[in-house]
Amino acid sequence: MNTALKKEQQYLKAQKRVKDIKGFYTHLTIYCVVISLLVFINLKYEPHFHWFWFSLIGWGTGLFIHWLRVFGFNLLGFGKKWEEHKIKEFMNKEK
């Protein structure tokens, strides 16, 4: 494979990785701000029923899944490394 092409692919892969990480931290920041506002509003105006837990847990689950995808952790072994391994396997079969 041409070294210039390989470097271009590495650059694009790194660029995508940075975009994914930036997206996760943006998601985390928005989550913290919005959940804080919801807790404040709930405790200020309706302290006898803590409804903010529904948003905290539901959105928190989505944030956790986003974290798993971005940082390559997985529950059943199907993550980024698995995907890369399968891609290489299929490419080697075609040769």
PDB file of N, CA and C in Angstrom:
ATOM      1  N   MET A   1       0.846  -1.186   0.000  1.00  0.00           N
ATOM      2  CA  MET A   1       0.000   0.000   0.000  1.00  0.00           C
ATOM      3  C   MET A   1       0.890   1.248   0.000  1.00  0.00           C
ATOM      4  N   ASN A   2       0.492   2.202  -0.715  1.00  0.00           N
ATOM      5  CA  ASN A   2       1.222   3.457  -0.833  1.00  0.00           C
ATOM      6  C   ASN A   2       1.293   4.144   0.535  1.00  0.00           C
ATOM      7  N   THR A   3       2.475   4.647   0.900  1.00  0.00           N
ATOM      8  CA  THR A   3       2.635   5.274   2.217  1.00  0.00           C
ATOM      9  C   THR A   3       1.817   6.550   2.341  1.00  0.00           C
ATOM     10  N   ALA A   4       1.695   7.301   1.251  1.00  0.00           N
ATOM     11  CA  ALA A   4       0.888   8.528   1.294  1.00  0.00           C
ATOM     12  C   ALA A   4      -0.581   8.189   1.533  1.00  0.00           C
ATOM     13  N   LEU A   5      -1.055   7.134   0.884  1.00  0.00           N
ATOM     14  CA  LEU A   5      -2.436   6.695   1.067  1.00  0.00           C
ATOM     15  C   LEU A   5      -2.661   6.196   2.494  1.00  0.00           C
ATOM     16  N   LYS A   6      -1.687   5.472   2.996  1.00  0.00           N
ATOM     17  CA  LYS A   6      -1.782   4.941   4.368  1.00  0.00           C
ATOM     18  C   LYS A   6      -1.815   6.086   5.386  1.00  0.00           C
ATOM     19  N   LYS A   7      -0.961   7.089   5.179  1.00  0.00           N
ATOM     20  CA  LYS A   7      -0.948   8.242   6.086  1.00  0.00           C
ATOM     21  C   LYS A   7      -2.268   9.004   6.015  1.00  0.00           C
ATOM     22  N   GLU A   8      -2.829   9.107   4.812  1.00  0.00           N
ATOM     23  CA  GLU A   8      -4.118   9.785   4.640  1.00  0.00           C
ATOM     24  C   GLU A   8      -5.219   9.036   5.389  1.00  0.00           C
ATOM     25  N   GLN A   9      -5.204   7.709   5.303  1.00  0.00           N
ATOM     26  CA  GLN A   9      -6.189   6.901   6.025  1.00  0.00           C
ATOM     27  C   GLN A   9      -6.020   7.041   7.531  1.00  0.00           C
ATOM     28  N   GLN A  10      -4.774   7.054   7.990  1.00  0.00           N
ATOM     29  CA  GLN A  10      -4.510   7.231   9.419  1.00  0.00           C
ATOM     30  C   GLN A  10      -4.991   8.591   9.891  1.00  0.00           C
ATOM     31  N   TYR A  11      -4.770   9.607   9.067  1.00  0.00           N
ATOM     32  CA  TYR A  11      -5.212  10.950   9.411  1.00  0.00           C
ATOM     33  C   TYR A  11      -6.733  11.014   9.504  1.00  0.00           C
ATOM     34  N   LEU A  12      -7.421  10.427   8.534  1.00  0.00           N
ATOM     35  CA  LEU A  12      -8.880  10.429   8.550  1.00  0.00           C
ATOM     36  C   LEU A  12      -9.438   9.653   9.748  1.00  0.00           C
ATOM     37  N   LYS A  13      -8.787   8.544  10.065  1.00  0.00           N
ATOM     38  CA  LYS A  13      -9.207   7.749  11.220  1.00  0.00           C
ATOM     39  C   LYS A  13      -8.999   8.539  12.523  1.00  0.00           C
ATOM     40  N   ALA A  14      -7.870   9.215  12.639  1.00  0.00           N
ATOM     41  CA  ALA A  14      -7.594  10.035  13.828  1.00  0.00           C
ATOM     42  C   ALA A  14      -8.562  11.206  13.907  1.00  0.00           C
ATOM     43  N   GLN A  15      -8.875  11.799  12.770  1.00  0.00           N
ATOM     44  CA  GLN A  15      -9.815  12.917  12.725  1.00  0.00           C
ATOM     45  C   GLN A  15     -11.203  12.462  13.196  1.00  0.00           C
ATOM     46  N   LYS A  16     -11.642  11.284  12.754  1.00  0.00           N
ATOM     47  CA  LYS A  16     -12.928  10.748  13.184  1.00  0.00           C
ATOM     48  C   LYS A  16     -12.915  10.452  14.685  1.00  0.00           C
ATOM     49  N   ARG A  17     -11.807   9.918  15.165  1.00  0.00           N
ATOM     50  CA  ARG A  17     -11.678   9.594  16.599  1.00  0.00           C
ATOM     51  C   ARG A  17     -11.790  10.863  17.442  1.00  0.00           C
ATOM     52  N   VAL A  18     -11.113  11.927  17.031  1.00  0.00           N
ATOM     53  CA  VAL A  18     -11.182  13.205  17.756  1.00  0.00           C
ATOM     54  C   VAL A  18     -12.608  13.752  17.736  1.00  0.00           C
ATOM     55  N   LYS A  19     -13.276  13.640  16.597  1.00  0.00           N
ATOM     56  CA  LYS A  19     -14.665  14.101  16.485  1.00  0.00           C
ATOM     57  C   LYS A  19     -15.578  13.310  17.423  1.00  0.00           C
ATOM     58  N   ASP A  20     -15.378  11.994  17.504  1.00  0.00           N
ATOM     59  CA  ASP A  20     -16.180  11.155  18.396  1.00  0.00           C
ATOM     60  C   ASP A  20     -15.954  11.517  19.865  1.00  0.00           C
ATOM     61  N   ILE A  21     -14.696  11.732  20.237  1.00  0.00           N
ATOM     62  CA  ILE A  21     -14.381  12.093  21.622  1.00  0.00           C
ATOM     63  C   ILE A  21     -14.967  13.456  21.960  1.00  0.00           C
ATOM     64  N   LYS A  22     -14.828  14.413  21.035  1.00  0.00           N
ATOM     65  CA  LYS A  22     -15.393  15.743  21.246  1.00  0.00           C
ATOM     66  C   LYS A  22     -16.910  15.661  21.394  1.00  0.00           C
ATOM     67  N   GLY A  23     -17.554  14.837  20.585  1.00  0.00           N
ATOM     68  CA  GLY A  23     -18.997  14.656  20.672  1.00  0.00           C
ATOM     69  C   GLY A  23     -19.417  14.079  22.013  1.00  0.00           C
ATOM     70  N   PHE A  24     -18.633  13.126  22.529  1.00  0.00           N
ATOM     71  CA  PHE A  24     -18.961  12.554  23.838  1.00  0.00           C
ATOM     72  C   PHE A  24     -18.857  13.604  24.930  1.00  0.00           C
ATOM     73  N   TYR A  25     -17.780  14.381  24.939  1.00  0.00           N
ATOM     74  CA  TYR A  25     -17.615  15.385  25.988  1.00  0.00           C
ATOM     75  C   TYR A  25     -18.651  16.507  25.875  1.00  0.00           C
ATOM     76  N   THR A  26     -19.084  16.816  24.678  1.00  0.00           N
ATOM     77  CA  THR A  26     -20.172  17.779  24.503  1.00  0.00           C
ATOM     78  C   THR A  26     -21.454  17.222  25.109  1.00  0.00           C
ATOM     79  N   HIS A  27     -21.731  15.955  24.809  1.00  0.00           N
ATOM     80  CA  HIS A  27     -22.910  15.271  25.353  1.00  0.00           C
ATOM     81  C   HIS A  27     -22.854  15.260  26.887  1.00  0.00           C
ATOM     82  N   LEU A  28     -21.695  14.953  27.439  1.00  0.00           N
ATOM     83  CA  LEU A  28     -21.525  14.917  28.899  1.00  0.00           C
ATOM     84  C   LEU A  28     -21.763  16.291  29.525  1.00  0.00           C
ATOM     85  N   THR A  29     -21.233  17.326  28.900  1.00  0.00           N
ATOM     86  CA  THR A  29     -21.397  18.689  29.422  1.00  0.00           C
ATOM     87  C   THR A  29     -22.864  19.108  29.413  1.00  0.00           C
ATOM     88  N   ILE A  30     -23.547  18.860  28.304  1.00  0.00           N
ATOM     89  CA  ILE A  30     -24.966  19.212  28.210  1.00  0.00           C
ATOM     90  C   ILE A  30     -25.772  18.425  29.227  1.00  0.00           C
ATOM     91  N   TYR A  31     -25.445  17.154  29.400  1.00  0.00           N
ATOM     92  CA  TYR A  31     -26.122  16.307  30.395  1.00  0.00           C
ATOM     93  C   TYR A  31     -25.984  16.910  31.796  1.00  0.00           C
ATOM     94  N   CYS A  32     -24.774  17.275  32.168  1.00  0.00           N
ATOM     95  CA  CYS A  32     -24.539  17.827  33.508  1.00  0.00           C
ATOM     96  C   CYS A  32     -25.312  19.132  33.725  1.00  0.00           C
ATOM     97  N   VAL A  33     -25.306  19.997  32.737  1.00  0.00           N
ATOM     98  CA  VAL A  33     -25.997  21.284  32.865  1.00  0.00           C
ATOM     99  C   VAL A  33     -27.506  21.083  32.956  1.00  0.00           C
ATOM    100  N   VAL A  34     -28.063  20.302  32.037  1.00  0.00           N
ATOM    101  CA  VAL A  34     -29.520  20.126  32.003  1.00  0.00           C
ATOM    102  C   VAL A  34     -30.016  19.371  33.233  1.00  0.00           C
ATOM    103  N   ILE A  35     -29.327  18.316  33.637  1.00  0.00           N
ATOM    104  CA  ILE A  35     -29.760  17.565  34.822  1.00  0.00           C
ATOM    105  C   ILE A  35     -29.676  18.446  36.059  1.00  0.00           C
ATOM    106  N   SER A  36     -28.646  19.269  36.155  1.00  0.00           N
ATOM    107  CA  SER A  36     -28.546  20.190  37.297  1.00  0.00           C
ATOM    108  C   SER A  36     -29.740  21.147  37.332  1.00  0.00           C
ATOM    109  N   LEU A  37     -30.109  21.668  36.175  1.00  0.00           N
ATOM    110  CA  LEU A  37     -31.276  22.557  36.103  1.00  0.00           C
ATOM    111  C   LEU A  37     -32.560  21.819  36.474  1.00  0.00           C
ATOM    112  N   LEU A  38     -32.717  20.599  36.001  1.00  0.00           N
ATOM    113  CA  LEU A  38     -33.908  19.824  36.329  1.00  0.00           C
ATOM    114  C   LEU A  38     -34.002  19.518  37.820  1.00  0.00           C
ATOM    115  N   VAL A  39     -32.879  19.185  38.439  1.00  0.00           N
ATOM    116  CA  VAL A  39     -32.869  18.930  39.883  1.00  0.00           C
ATOM    117  C   VAL A  39     -33.248  20.198  40.626  1.00  0.00           C
ATOM    118  N   PHE A  40     -32.673  21.321  40.234  1.00  0.00           N
ATOM    119  CA  PHE A  40     -32.995  22.586  40.881  1.00  0.00           C
ATOM    120  C   PHE A  40     -34.477  22.913  40.751  1.00  0.00           C
ATOM    121  N   ILE A  41     -35.003  22.820  39.527  1.00  0.00           N
ATOM    122  CA  ILE A  41     -36.417  23.140  39.291  1.00  0.00           C
ATOM    123  C   ILE A  41     -37.313  22.200  40.098  1.00  0.00           C
ATOM    124  N   ASN A  42     -36.996  20.923  40.084  1.00  0.00           N
ATOM    125  CA  ASN A  42     -37.813  19.948  40.801  1.00  0.00           C
ATOM    126  C   ASN A  42     -37.814  20.215  42.301  1.00  0.00           C
ATOM    127  N   LEU A  43     -36.644  20.416  42.883  1.00  0.00           N
ATOM    128  CA  LEU A  43     -36.568  20.609  44.331  1.00  0.00           C
ATOM    129  C   LEU A  43     -37.098  21.967  44.770  1.00  0.00           C
ATOM    130  N   LYS A  44     -37.040  22.944  43.902  1.00  0.00           N
ATOM    131  CA  LYS A  44     -37.536  24.284  44.218  1.00  0.00           C
ATOM    132  C   LYS A  44     -39.061  24.346  44.183  1.00  0.00           C
ATOM    133  N   TYR A  45     -39.661  23.769  43.126  1.00  0.00           N
ATOM    134  CA  TYR A  45     -41.089  23.953  42.909  1.00  0.00           C
ATOM    135  C   TYR A  45     -41.957  22.738  43.250  1.00  0.00           C
ATOM    136  N   GLU A  46     -41.382  21.570  43.356  1.00  0.00           N
ATOM    137  CA  GLU A  46     -42.170  20.382  43.667  1.00  0.00           C
ATOM    138  C   GLU A  46     -41.313  19.392  44.468  1.00  0.00           C
ATOM    139  N   PRO A  47     -40.941  19.756  45.682  1.00  0.00           N
ATOM    140  CA  PRO A  47     -39.983  18.946  46.437  1.00  0.00           C
ATOM    141  C   PRO A  47     -40.526  17.607  46.950  1.00  0.00           C
ATOM    142  N   HIS A  48     -41.833  17.435  46.944  1.00  0.00           N
ATOM    143  CA  HIS A  48     -42.381  16.195  47.495  1.00  0.00           C
ATOM    144  C   HIS A  48     -42.311  15.019  46.514  1.00  0.00           C
ATOM    145  N   PHE A  49     -42.141  15.267  45.227  1.00  0.00           N
ATOM    146  CA  PHE A  49     -42.005  14.196  44.238  1.00  0.00           C
ATOM    147  C   PHE A  49     -40.756  14.450  43.407  1.00  0.00           C
ATOM    148  N   HIS A  50     -39.804  13.558  43.483  1.00  0.00           N
ATOM    149  CA  HIS A  50     -38.526  13.730  42.792  1.00  0.00           C
ATOM    150  C   HIS A  50     -38.582  13.110  41.392  1.00  0.00           C
ATOM    151  N   TRP A  51     -39.168  13.822  40.444  1.00  0.00           N
ATOM    152  CA  TRP A  51     -39.303  13.328  39.079  1.00  0.00           C
ATOM    153  C   TRP A  51     -38.014  13.442  38.270  1.00  0.00           C
ATOM    154  N   PHE A  52     -37.048  14.192  38.769  1.00  0.00           N
ATOM    155  CA  PHE A  52     -35.795  14.359  38.019  1.00  0.00           C
ATOM    156  C   PHE A  52     -35.043  13.039  37.854  1.00  0.00           C
ATOM    157  N   TRP A  53     -35.321  12.050  38.705  1.00  0.00           N
ATOM    158  CA  TRP A  53     -34.643  10.755  38.616  1.00  0.00           C
ATOM    159  C   TRP A  53     -34.905  10.067  37.276  1.00  0.00           C
ATOM    160  N   PHE A  54     -36.098  10.261  36.720  1.00  0.00           N
ATOM    161  CA  PHE A  54     -36.424   9.619  35.448  1.00  0.00           C
ATOM    162  C   PHE A  54     -35.489  10.126  34.333  1.00  0.00           C
ATOM    163  N   SER A  55     -35.316  11.426  34.279  1.00  0.00           N
ATOM    164  CA  SER A  55     -34.413  12.007  33.270  1.00  0.00           C
ATOM    165  C   SER A  55     -32.966  11.631  33.552  1.00  0.00           C
ATOM    166  N   LEU A  56     -32.575  11.687  34.800  1.00  0.00           N
ATOM    167  CA  LEU A  56     -31.202  11.387  35.182  1.00  0.00           C
ATOM    168  C   LEU A  56     -30.835   9.964  34.787  1.00  0.00           C
ATOM    169  N   ILE A  57     -31.697   9.005  35.080  1.00  0.00           N
ATOM    170  CA  ILE A  57     -31.400   7.602  34.774  1.00  0.00           C
ATOM    171  C   ILE A  57     -31.538   7.320  33.276  1.00  0.00           C
ATOM    172  N   GLY A  58     -32.601   7.812  32.653  1.00  0.00           N
ATOM    173  CA  GLY A  58     -32.809   7.552  31.231  1.00  0.00           C
ATOM    174  C   GLY A  58     -31.718   8.141  30.363  1.00  0.00           C
ATOM    175  N   TRP A  59     -31.461   9.416  30.544  1.00  0.00           N
ATOM    176  CA  TRP A  59     -30.423  10.081  29.756  1.00  0.00           C
ATOM    177  C   TRP A  59     -29.046   9.564  30.147  1.00  0.00           C
ATOM    178  N   GLY A  60     -28.864   9.258  31.421  1.00  0.00           N
ATOM    179  CA  GLY A  60     -27.595   8.703  31.891  1.00  0.00           C
ATOM    180  C   GLY A  60     -27.269   7.376  31.231  1.00  0.00           C
ATOM    181  N   THR A  61     -28.298   6.565  30.987  1.00  0.00           N
ATOM    182  CA  THR A  61     -28.100   5.296  30.289  1.00  0.00           C
ATOM    183  C   THR A  61     -27.609   5.552  28.867  1.00  0.00           C
ATOM    184  N   GLY A  62     -28.222   6.506  28.187  1.00  0.00           N
ATOM    185  CA  GLY A  62     -27.780   6.868  26.843  1.00  0.00           C
ATOM    186  C   GLY A  62     -26.360   7.396  26.836  1.00  0.00           C
ATOM    187  N   LEU A  63     -26.020   8.187  27.826  1.00  0.00           N
ATOM    188  CA  LEU A  63     -24.663   8.725  27.935  1.00  0.00           C
ATOM    189  C   LEU A  63     -23.658   7.599  28.180  1.00  0.00           C
ATOM    190  N   PHE A  64     -24.043   6.631  29.003  1.00  0.00           N
ATOM    191  CA  PHE A  64     -23.174   5.492  29.282  1.00  0.00           C
ATOM    192  C   PHE A  64     -22.916   4.683  28.011  1.00  0.00           C
ATOM    193  N   ILE A  65     -23.950   4.459  27.207  1.00  0.00           N
ATOM    194  CA  ILE A  65     -23.797   3.737  25.953  1.00  0.00           C
ATOM    195  C   ILE A  65     -22.904   4.523  24.988  1.00  0.00           C
ATOM    196  N   HIS A  66     -23.066   5.839  24.959  1.00  0.00           N
ATOM    197  CA  HIS A  66     -22.205   6.694  24.133  1.00  0.00           C
ATOM    198  C   HIS A  66     -20.752   6.539  24.574  1.00  0.00           C
ATOM    199  N   TRP A  67     -20.514   6.531  25.870  1.00  0.00           N
ATOM    200  CA  TRP A  67     -19.168   6.346  26.417  1.00  0.00           C
ATOM    201  C   TRP A  67     -18.585   5.006  25.978  1.00  0.00           C
ATOM    202  N   LEU A  68     -19.410   3.952  26.039  1.00  0.00           N
ATOM    203  CA  LEU A  68     -18.943   2.630  25.623  1.00  0.00           C
ATOM    204  C   LEU A  68     -18.511   2.630  24.159  1.00  0.00           C
ATOM    205  N   ARG A  69     -19.293   3.280  23.312  1.00  0.00           N
ATOM    206  CA  ARG A  69     -18.968   3.318  21.875  1.00  0.00           C
ATOM    207  C   ARG A  69     -17.709   4.113  21.591  1.00  0.00           C
ATOM    208  N   VAL A  70     -17.572   5.262  22.226  1.00  0.00           N
ATOM    209  CA  VAL A  70     -16.445   6.151  21.928  1.00  0.00           C
ATOM    210  C   VAL A  70     -15.126   5.582  22.422  1.00  0.00           C
ATOM    211  N   PHE A  71     -15.120   5.012  23.602  1.00  0.00           N
ATOM    212  CA  PHE A  71     -13.854   4.583  24.184  1.00  0.00           C
ATOM    213  C   PHE A  71     -13.566   3.103  23.982  1.00  0.00           C
ATOM    214  N   GLY A  72     -14.386   2.426  23.159  1.00  0.00           N
ATOM    215  CA  GLY A  72     -14.065   1.071  22.749  1.00  0.00           C
ATOM    216  C   GLY A  72     -14.386  -0.003  23.763  1.00  0.00           C
ATOM    217  N   PHE A  73     -15.029   0.325  24.840  1.00  0.00           N
ATOM    218  CA  PHE A  73     -15.412  -0.687  25.804  1.00  0.00           C
ATOM    219  C   PHE A  73     -16.689  -1.338  25.306  1.00  0.00           C
ATOM    220  N   ASN A  74     -16.883  -2.593  25.645  1.00  0.00           N
ATOM    221  CA  ASN A  74     -18.076  -3.277  25.183  1.00  0.00           C
ATOM    222  C   ASN A  74     -18.531  -4.314  26.193  1.00  0.00           C
ATOM    223  N   LEU A  75     -19.769  -4.717  26.080  1.00  0.00           N
ATOM    224  CA  LEU A  75     -20.341  -5.676  27.014  1.00  0.00           C
ATOM    225  C   LEU A  75     -20.178  -7.116  26.536  1.00  0.00           C
ATOM    226  N   LEU A  76     -20.281  -7.360  25.241  1.00  0.00           N
ATOM    227  CA  LEU A  76     -20.267  -8.719  24.727  1.00  0.00           C
ATOM    228  C   LEU A  76     -19.112  -8.980  23.766  1.00  0.00           C
ATOM    229  N   GLY A  77     -18.141  -8.114  23.739  1.00  0.00           N
ATOM    230  CA  GLY A  77     -16.992  -8.302  22.861  1.00  0.00           C
ATOM    231  C   GLY A  77     -17.184  -7.754  21.456  1.00  0.00           C
ATOM    232  N   PHE A  78     -18.216  -6.963  21.234  1.00  0.00           N
ATOM    233  CA  PHE A  78     -18.474  -6.400  19.911  1.00  0.00           C
ATOM    234  C   PHE A  78     -18.211  -4.914  19.936  1.00  0.00           C
ATOM    235  N   GLY A  79     -16.959  -4.534  19.853  1.00  0.00           N
ATOM    236  CA  GLY A  79     -16.592  -3.122  19.883  1.00  0.00           C
ATOM    237  C   GLY A  79     -15.759  -2.758  18.678  1.00  0.00           C
ATOM    238  N   LYS A  80     -15.034  -1.665  18.796  1.00  0.00           N
ATOM    239  CA  LYS A  80     -14.206  -1.168  17.691  1.00  0.00           C
ATOM    240  C   LYS A  80     -13.137  -2.189  17.290  1.00  0.00           C
ATOM    241  N   LYS A  81     -12.506  -2.823  18.280  1.00  0.00           N
ATOM    242  CA  LYS A  81     -11.449  -3.774  17.960  1.00  0.00           C
ATOM    243  C   LYS A  81     -12.008  -4.981  17.209  1.00  0.00           C
ATOM    244  N   TRP A  82     -13.197  -5.406  17.612  1.00  0.00           N
ATOM    245  CA  TRP A  82     -13.841  -6.520  16.929  1.00  0.00           C
ATOM    246  C   TRP A  82     -14.147  -6.136  15.488  1.00  0.00           C
ATOM    247  N   GLU A  83     -14.668  -4.922  15.291  1.00  0.00           N
ATOM    248  CA  GLU A  83     -14.986  -4.446  13.943  1.00  0.00           C
ATOM    249  C   GLU A  83     -13.730  -4.407  13.069  1.00  0.00           C
ATOM    250  N   GLU A  84     -12.646  -3.862  13.611  1.00  0.00           N
ATOM    251  CA  GLU A  84     -11.399  -3.779  12.851  1.00  0.00           C
ATOM    252  C   GLU A  84     -10.874  -5.166  12.510  1.00  0.00           C
ATOM    253  N   HIS A  85     -10.986  -6.091  13.451  1.00  0.00           N
ATOM    254  CA  HIS A  85     -10.533  -7.460  13.214  1.00  0.00           C
ATOM    255  C   HIS A  85     -11.335  -8.108  12.085  1.00  0.00           C
ATOM    256  N   LYS A  86     -12.646  -7.918  12.096  1.00  0.00           N
ATOM    257  CA  LYS A  86     -13.500  -8.495  11.048  1.00  0.00           C
ATOM    258  C   LYS A  86     -13.212  -7.868   9.682  1.00  0.00           C
ATOM    259  N   ILE A  87     -12.990  -6.572   9.648  1.00  0.00           N
ATOM    260  CA  ILE A  87     -12.668  -5.897   8.390  1.00  0.00           C
ATOM    261  C   ILE A  87     -11.377  -6.469   7.810  1.00  0.00           C
ATOM    262  N   LYS A  88     -10.350  -6.609   8.642  1.00  0.00           N
ATOM    263  CA  LYS A  88      -9.079  -7.182   8.167  1.00  0.00           C
ATOM    264  C   LYS A  88      -9.272  -8.617   7.696  1.00  0.00           C
ATOM    265  N   GLU A  89     -10.110  -9.364   8.421  1.00  0.00           N
ATOM    266  CA  GLU A  89     -10.376 -10.755   8.041  1.00  0.00           C
ATOM    267  C   GLU A  89     -11.020 -10.834   6.659  1.00  0.00           C
ATOM    268  N   PHE A  90     -12.013 -10.005   6.400  1.00  0.00           N
ATOM    269  CA  PHE A  90     -12.688 -10.003   5.097  1.00  0.00           C
ATOM    270  C   PHE A  90     -11.759  -9.506   3.986  1.00  0.00           C
ATOM    271  N   MET A  91     -10.920  -8.537   4.293  1.00  0.00           N
ATOM    272  CA  MET A  91      -9.977  -8.039   3.291  1.00  0.00           C
ATOM    273  C   MET A  91      -8.972  -9.116   2.921  1.00  0.00           C
ATOM    274  N   ASN A  92      -8.528  -9.878   3.904  1.00  0.00           N
ATOM    275  CA  ASN A  92      -7.563 -10.965   3.632  1.00  0.00           C
ATOM    276  C   ASN A  92      -8.214 -12.094   2.838  1.00  0.00           C
ATOM    277  N   LYS A  93      -9.506 -12.332   3.023  1.00  0.00           N
ATOM    278  CA  LYS A  93     -10.204 -13.372   2.268  1.00  0.00           C
ATOM    279  C   LYS A  93     -10.277 -13.025   0.790  1.00  0.00           C
ATOM    280  N   GLU A  94     -10.433 -11.728   0.483  1.00  0.00           N
ATOM    281  CA  GLU A  94     -10.564 -11.286  -0.905  1.00  0.00           C
ATOM    282  C   GLU A  94      -9.262 -11.394  -1.678  1.00  0.00           C
ATOM    283  N   LYS A  95      -8.134 -11.401  -0.994  1.00  0.00           N
ATOM    284  CA  LYS A  95      -6.830 -11.447  -1.669  1.00  0.00           C
ATOM    285  C   LYS A  95      -6.544 -12.775  -2.269  1.00  0.00           C
TER     286      LYS A  95
END
